[in-house]
Amino acid sequence: MIALHRHLVATRPAGAAAPALARGLILMLEEWVERHRQRRDLLALPEHLLKDIGISSSDAWQEGTKPFWRA
């Protein structure tokens, strides 16, 4: 993300860095919200559906309880 920000700043005219940074922050926040939703949904799946996707309930718990900012 930092490398992308540096690239955007280097290739844009002066004064355009703030909008690029704002877009990057918005994208990051959207990713965090989506990650939180997916992990919450994963924790709600019953055992037979977890088995269908090939993970155990302990794997689901381990992934589902991670903080939203951690990939």
N, C-alpha and C. Protein backbone atom coordinates (compact mmCIF):
# COMPACT_ATOMS: atom_id res chain seq x y z
N MET A 1 0.82 -1.18 0.00
CA MET A 1 0.00 0.00 0.00
C MET A 1 0.87 1.25 0.00
N ILE A 2 1.95 1.25 0.79
CA ILE A 2 2.84 2.41 0.85
C ILE A 2 3.51 2.61 -0.50
N ALA A 3 3.97 1.52 -1.13
CA ALA A 3 4.61 1.64 -2.44
C ALA A 3 3.63 2.19 -3.46
N LEU A 4 2.38 1.74 -3.42
CA LEU A 4 1.37 2.25 -4.34
C LEU A 4 1.15 3.73 -4.10
N HIS A 5 1.07 4.13 -2.84
CA HIS A 5 0.88 5.55 -2.52
C HIS A 5 2.05 6.37 -3.06
N ARG A 6 3.27 5.90 -2.86
CA ARG A 6 4.44 6.63 -3.36
C ARG A 6 4.40 6.74 -4.87
N HIS A 7 3.98 5.67 -5.54
CA HIS A 7 3.87 5.70 -6.99
C HIS A 7 2.83 6.73 -7.43
N LEU A 8 1.68 6.74 -6.78
CA LEU A 8 0.63 7.68 -7.14
C LEU A 8 1.08 9.12 -6.93
N VAL A 9 1.77 9.36 -5.82
CA VAL A 9 2.25 10.70 -5.53
C VAL A 9 3.29 11.13 -6.56
N ALA A 10 4.17 10.22 -6.94
CA ALA A 10 5.24 10.56 -7.88
C ALA A 10 4.72 10.80 -9.29
N THR A 11 3.61 10.20 -9.67
CA THR A 11 3.12 10.31 -11.03
C THR A 11 2.01 11.34 -11.19
N ARG A 12 1.59 11.96 -10.13
CA ARG A 12 0.51 12.95 -10.21
C ARG A 12 1.07 14.36 -10.05
N PRO A 13 0.39 15.33 -10.61
CA PRO A 13 0.84 16.71 -10.43
C PRO A 13 0.72 17.14 -8.97
N ALA A 14 1.45 18.17 -8.61
CA ALA A 14 1.42 18.67 -7.23
C ALA A 14 -0.02 19.00 -6.84
N GLY A 15 -0.38 18.69 -5.62
CA GLY A 15 -1.72 18.95 -5.14
C GLY A 15 -2.68 17.80 -5.36
N ALA A 16 -2.28 16.80 -6.14
CA ALA A 16 -3.15 15.66 -6.41
C ALA A 16 -2.91 14.53 -5.42
N ALA A 17 -1.93 14.66 -4.55
CA ALA A 17 -1.61 13.58 -3.62
C ALA A 17 -2.70 13.38 -2.60
N ALA A 18 -3.32 14.45 -2.13
CA ALA A 18 -4.36 14.33 -1.11
C ALA A 18 -5.55 13.51 -1.60
N PRO A 19 -6.09 13.75 -2.81
CA PRO A 19 -7.19 12.91 -3.29
C PRO A 19 -6.78 11.45 -3.46
N ALA A 20 -5.56 11.21 -3.93
CA ALA A 20 -5.10 9.83 -4.10
C ALA A 20 -4.99 9.13 -2.76
N LEU A 21 -4.50 9.84 -1.76
CA LEU A 21 -4.40 9.27 -0.43
C LEU A 21 -5.79 9.00 0.14
N ALA A 22 -6.71 9.91 -0.08
CA ALA A 22 -8.08 9.72 0.40
C ALA A 22 -8.71 8.49 -0.26
N ARG A 23 -8.50 8.32 -1.57
CA ARG A 23 -9.03 7.14 -2.26
C ARG A 23 -8.43 5.87 -1.68
N GLY A 24 -7.13 5.90 -1.40
CA GLY A 24 -6.48 4.73 -0.81
C GLY A 24 -7.04 4.39 0.56
N LEU A 25 -7.32 5.41 1.36
CA LEU A 25 -7.89 5.18 2.69
C LEU A 25 -9.31 4.62 2.59
N ILE A 26 -10.07 5.14 1.65
CA ILE A 26 -11.43 4.63 1.45
C ILE A 26 -11.40 3.18 1.02
N LEU A 27 -10.51 2.84 0.09
CA LEU A 27 -10.38 1.44 -0.35
C LEU A 27 -9.98 0.53 0.80
N MET A 28 -9.07 1.00 1.65
CA MET A 28 -8.63 0.20 2.79
C MET A 28 -9.80 -0.02 3.76
N LEU A 29 -10.56 1.02 4.03
CA LEU A 29 -11.71 0.88 4.93
C LEU A 29 -12.76 -0.06 4.36
N GLU A 30 -13.01 0.03 3.06
CA GLU A 30 -13.96 -0.89 2.42
C GLU A 30 -13.48 -2.33 2.53
N GLU A 31 -12.19 -2.55 2.36
CA GLU A 31 -11.63 -3.89 2.49
C GLU A 31 -11.80 -4.41 3.91
N TRP A 32 -11.57 -3.57 4.91
CA TRP A 32 -11.72 -3.97 6.30
C TRP A 32 -13.17 -4.34 6.62
N VAL A 33 -14.12 -3.55 6.12
CA VAL A 33 -15.53 -3.84 6.36
C VAL A 33 -15.91 -5.17 5.73
N GLU A 34 -15.45 -5.39 4.51
CA GLU A 34 -15.76 -6.65 3.82
C GLU A 34 -15.12 -7.84 4.54
N ARG A 35 -13.89 -7.69 4.99
CA ARG A 35 -13.21 -8.76 5.72
C ARG A 35 -13.95 -9.09 7.01
N HIS A 36 -14.40 -8.07 7.72
CA HIS A 36 -15.17 -8.29 8.95
C HIS A 36 -16.46 -9.05 8.66
N ARG A 37 -17.17 -8.66 7.60
CA ARG A 37 -18.41 -9.33 7.24
C ARG A 37 -18.18 -10.79 6.88
N GLN A 38 -17.14 -11.05 6.10
CA GLN A 38 -16.86 -12.43 5.71
C GLN A 38 -16.50 -13.30 6.91
N ARG A 39 -15.72 -12.75 7.82
CA ARG A 39 -15.33 -13.53 9.00
C ARG A 39 -16.52 -13.79 9.91
N ARG A 40 -17.41 -12.80 10.04
CA ARG A 40 -18.62 -12.99 10.85
C ARG A 40 -19.49 -14.08 10.21
N ASP A 41 -19.63 -14.04 8.89
CA ASP A 41 -20.42 -15.05 8.18
C ASP A 41 -19.79 -16.43 8.30
N LEU A 42 -18.48 -16.50 8.24
CA LEU A 42 -17.79 -17.79 8.39
C LEU A 42 -18.08 -18.41 9.75
N LEU A 43 -18.08 -17.60 10.80
CA LEU A 43 -18.36 -18.11 12.14
C LEU A 43 -19.80 -18.60 12.28
N ALA A 44 -20.69 -18.12 11.43
CA ALA A 44 -22.10 -18.50 11.52
C ALA A 44 -22.43 -19.77 10.74
N LEU A 45 -21.48 -20.26 9.94
CA LEU A 45 -21.75 -21.45 9.13
C LEU A 45 -21.87 -22.71 10.00
N PRO A 46 -22.85 -23.56 9.70
CA PRO A 46 -22.95 -24.84 10.42
C PRO A 46 -21.84 -25.80 9.99
N GLU A 47 -21.63 -26.80 10.80
CA GLU A 47 -20.55 -27.77 10.59
C GLU A 47 -20.60 -28.42 9.21
N HIS A 48 -21.80 -28.81 8.73
CA HIS A 48 -21.88 -29.50 7.43
C HIS A 48 -21.46 -28.58 6.27
N LEU A 49 -21.69 -27.29 6.37
CA LEU A 49 -21.26 -26.38 5.31
C LEU A 49 -19.75 -26.13 5.38
N LEU A 50 -19.21 -26.08 6.58
CA LEU A 50 -17.75 -25.97 6.71
C LEU A 50 -17.08 -27.18 6.08
N LYS A 51 -17.66 -28.34 6.31
CA LYS A 51 -17.12 -29.57 5.71
C LYS A 51 -17.18 -29.49 4.19
N ASP A 52 -18.27 -28.94 3.66
CA ASP A 52 -18.42 -28.79 2.20
C ASP A 52 -17.31 -27.93 1.60
N ILE A 53 -16.88 -26.90 2.32
CA ILE A 53 -15.83 -26.03 1.77
C ILE A 53 -14.43 -26.48 2.19
N GLY A 54 -14.37 -27.57 2.94
CA GLY A 54 -13.09 -28.19 3.23
C GLY A 54 -12.32 -27.61 4.41
N ILE A 55 -13.02 -27.02 5.38
CA ILE A 55 -12.33 -26.52 6.57
C ILE A 55 -13.02 -27.05 7.82
N SER A 56 -12.25 -27.16 8.87
CA SER A 56 -12.80 -27.64 10.14
C SER A 56 -13.37 -26.46 10.92
N SER A 57 -14.12 -26.76 11.96
CA SER A 57 -14.68 -25.69 12.79
C SER A 57 -13.56 -24.94 13.51
N SER A 58 -12.47 -25.62 13.85
CA SER A 58 -11.36 -24.91 14.50
C SER A 58 -10.65 -23.99 13.52
N ASP A 59 -10.54 -24.40 12.24
CA ASP A 59 -9.97 -23.52 11.22
C ASP A 59 -10.86 -22.28 11.03
N ALA A 60 -12.17 -22.51 11.00
CA ALA A 60 -13.11 -21.40 10.85
C ALA A 60 -13.01 -20.46 12.04
N TRP A 61 -12.91 -21.02 13.23
CA TRP A 61 -12.79 -20.19 14.43
C TRP A 61 -11.50 -19.37 14.40
N GLN A 62 -10.41 -20.01 14.00
CA GLN A 62 -9.12 -19.32 13.95
C GLN A 62 -9.17 -18.15 12.96
N GLU A 63 -9.77 -18.37 11.80
CA GLU A 63 -9.87 -17.29 10.80
C GLU A 63 -10.92 -16.26 11.22
N GLY A 64 -12.04 -16.73 11.72
CA GLY A 64 -13.14 -15.84 12.04
C GLY A 64 -12.90 -14.91 13.21
N THR A 65 -11.98 -15.27 14.08
CA THR A 65 -11.71 -14.43 15.25
C THR A 65 -10.51 -13.50 15.07
N LYS A 66 -9.91 -13.52 13.88
CA LYS A 66 -8.82 -12.59 13.61
C LYS A 66 -9.38 -11.16 13.58
N PRO A 67 -8.58 -10.18 13.98
CA PRO A 67 -9.02 -8.79 13.85
C PRO A 67 -9.17 -8.42 12.37
N PHE A 68 -10.09 -7.52 12.08
CA PHE A 68 -10.39 -7.17 10.69
C PHE A 68 -9.21 -6.58 9.94
N TRP A 69 -8.27 -5.99 10.65
CA TRP A 69 -7.13 -5.35 9.97
C TRP A 69 -6.03 -6.33 9.62
N ARG A 70 -6.13 -7.56 10.12
CA ARG A 70 -5.11 -8.57 9.83
C ARG A 70 -5.58 -9.45 8.68
N ALA A 71 -4.76 -9.56 7.64
CA ALA A 71 -5.11 -10.37 6.46
C ALA A 71 -4.99 -11.84 6.75
